[in-house]
Amino acid sequence: MAIDRELLVVTVIDGPGQEPRRWTLTCDPPGGSHPDPAAACHVLDTVRGPFAPVPPDMRCLQVYGGPETATITGTWRGVEVDASYRRTDGCEIARWTKLGAVLSPGSPAGRPV
């Protein structure tokens, strides 16, 4: 089956035992069930490597940012996406924060409300 447009599925879990929050996101034009698709699409278009994992040789500050986890799956600009996010150290917190409008729409500093 051919995919005629991009579609991302964003799933966020605020902590153990919490119900997942799940949204769809399309761009060009922004749409889907995401609470703020225009802001999310803008971030994905302007952030460098939004789906790239932390490089394995990266030294990261050992701080804990919270129990939140997230995944983004689907197709973006013709490329298959399967990315995971967490807040377990400085590098992972930075990845989460730069995608704040995607993972935590409507909350300051990329943190869930």
Protein backbone atom coordinates (compact mmCIF):
# COMPACT_ATOMS: atom_id res chain seq x y z
CA MET A 1 0.00 0.00 0.00
CA ALA A 2 1.40 3.41 -0.93
CA ILE A 3 1.54 6.18 1.65
CA ASP A 4 0.36 9.38 0.04
CA ARG A 5 1.16 11.72 2.93
CA GLU A 6 3.18 11.87 6.07
CA LEU A 7 1.66 10.80 9.35
CA LEU A 8 3.31 10.70 12.73
CA VAL A 9 1.92 9.12 15.88
CA VAL A 10 3.13 10.77 19.08
CA THR A 11 2.69 8.78 22.31
CA VAL A 12 3.59 10.26 25.70
CA ILE A 13 3.45 8.47 29.06
CA ASP A 14 3.83 10.75 32.08
CA GLY A 15 5.05 7.95 34.36
CA PRO A 16 4.61 4.33 35.43
CA GLY A 17 0.97 3.30 35.53
CA GLN A 18 -0.22 6.40 33.67
CA GLU A 19 -2.45 6.20 30.64
CA PRO A 20 -0.66 7.14 27.40
CA ARG A 21 -1.59 10.34 25.65
CA ARG A 22 -1.57 9.70 21.90
CA TRP A 23 -1.92 12.10 18.99
CA THR A 24 -1.59 11.95 15.24
CA LEU A 25 0.28 14.70 13.43
CA THR A 26 0.37 15.66 9.78
CA CYS A 27 2.03 18.68 8.19
CA ASP A 28 1.58 20.51 4.88
CA PRO A 29 -0.98 21.56 6.05
CA PRO A 30 -0.69 21.00 9.83
CA GLY A 31 -3.38 18.69 11.14
CA GLY A 32 -4.24 15.55 13.03
CA SER A 33 -5.39 15.15 16.61
CA HIS A 34 -2.29 16.87 18.09
CA PRO A 35 -3.37 19.82 20.32
CA ASP A 36 -1.17 22.31 18.41
CA PRO A 37 -0.19 20.84 15.04
CA ALA A 38 1.13 24.13 13.63
CA ALA A 39 3.63 24.57 16.49
CA ALA A 40 4.63 20.89 16.36
CA CYS A 41 5.23 21.01 12.60
CA HIS A 42 7.23 24.23 12.96
CA VAL A 43 9.51 22.55 15.54
CA LEU A 44 10.00 19.47 13.38
CA ASP A 45 10.86 21.69 10.40
CA THR A 46 13.36 23.86 12.29
CA VAL A 47 15.06 21.59 14.85
CA ARG A 48 18.16 19.82 13.58
CA GLY A 49 17.81 16.02 13.71
CA PRO A 50 14.53 15.86 15.65
CA PHE A 51 14.45 12.04 15.56
CA ALA A 52 18.17 11.37 16.01
CA PRO A 53 19.17 9.47 19.16
CA VAL A 54 21.88 10.65 21.53
CA PRO A 55 25.22 9.48 20.08
CA PRO A 56 26.59 6.52 22.07
CA ASP A 57 29.88 8.31 22.83
CA MET A 58 28.19 11.50 24.10
CA ARG A 59 29.01 12.48 27.67
CA CYS A 60 25.80 13.47 29.43
CA LEU A 61 25.16 15.23 32.71
CA GLN A 62 23.77 12.67 35.15
CA VAL A 63 20.57 14.39 36.26
CA TYR A 64 17.09 12.95 36.35
CA GLY A 65 14.40 14.97 34.60
CA GLY A 66 11.36 12.85 35.39
CA PRO A 67 9.64 9.59 34.52
CA GLU A 68 8.11 10.73 31.23
CA THR A 69 8.70 8.66 28.11
CA ALA A 70 7.57 9.20 24.54
CA THR A 71 7.71 7.68 21.09
CA ILE A 72 7.21 9.14 17.65
CA THR A 73 6.49 6.68 14.86
CA GLY A 74 5.33 6.98 11.29
CA THR A 75 6.57 8.77 8.19
CA TRP A 76 8.16 12.22 8.03
CA ARG A 77 9.25 13.77 4.74
CA GLY A 78 9.22 10.33 3.13
CA VAL A 79 11.41 8.72 5.80
CA GLU A 80 10.23 6.10 8.27
CA VAL A 81 10.44 7.32 11.89
CA ASP A 82 10.71 5.22 15.06
CA ALA A 83 12.16 7.44 17.81
CA SER A 84 12.06 7.15 21.60
CA TYR A 85 12.46 9.92 24.16
CA ARG A 86 12.95 9.97 27.94
CA ARG A 87 14.19 12.36 30.61
CA THR A 88 16.87 10.20 32.25
CA ASP A 89 19.96 12.41 31.82
CA GLY A 90 21.04 15.81 30.53
CA CYS A 91 21.25 14.71 26.90
CA GLU A 92 17.83 13.06 26.92
CA ILE A 93 16.29 16.05 28.71
CA ALA A 94 17.73 18.33 26.00
CA ARG A 95 16.24 16.13 23.25
CA TRP A 96 12.84 16.25 24.99
CA THR A 97 12.98 20.00 25.54
CA LYS A 98 13.85 20.85 21.93
CA LEU A 99 10.71 18.92 20.89
CA GLY A 100 8.58 20.47 23.63
CA ALA A 101 5.85 21.63 21.24
CA VAL A 102 5.59 18.09 19.88
CA LEU A 103 5.86 16.06 23.10
CA SER A 104 4.39 18.48 25.66
CA PRO A 105 2.12 20.90 23.80
CA GLY A 106 0.92 23.86 25.81
CA SER A 107 3.35 23.49 28.71
CA PRO A 108 6.36 25.62 29.60
CA ALA A 109 9.90 24.33 29.11
CA GLY A 110 8.71 21.15 27.41
CA ARG A 111 7.34 19.67 30.64
CA PRO A 112 3.93 18.02 30.87
CA VAL A 113 1.28 19.95 32.75
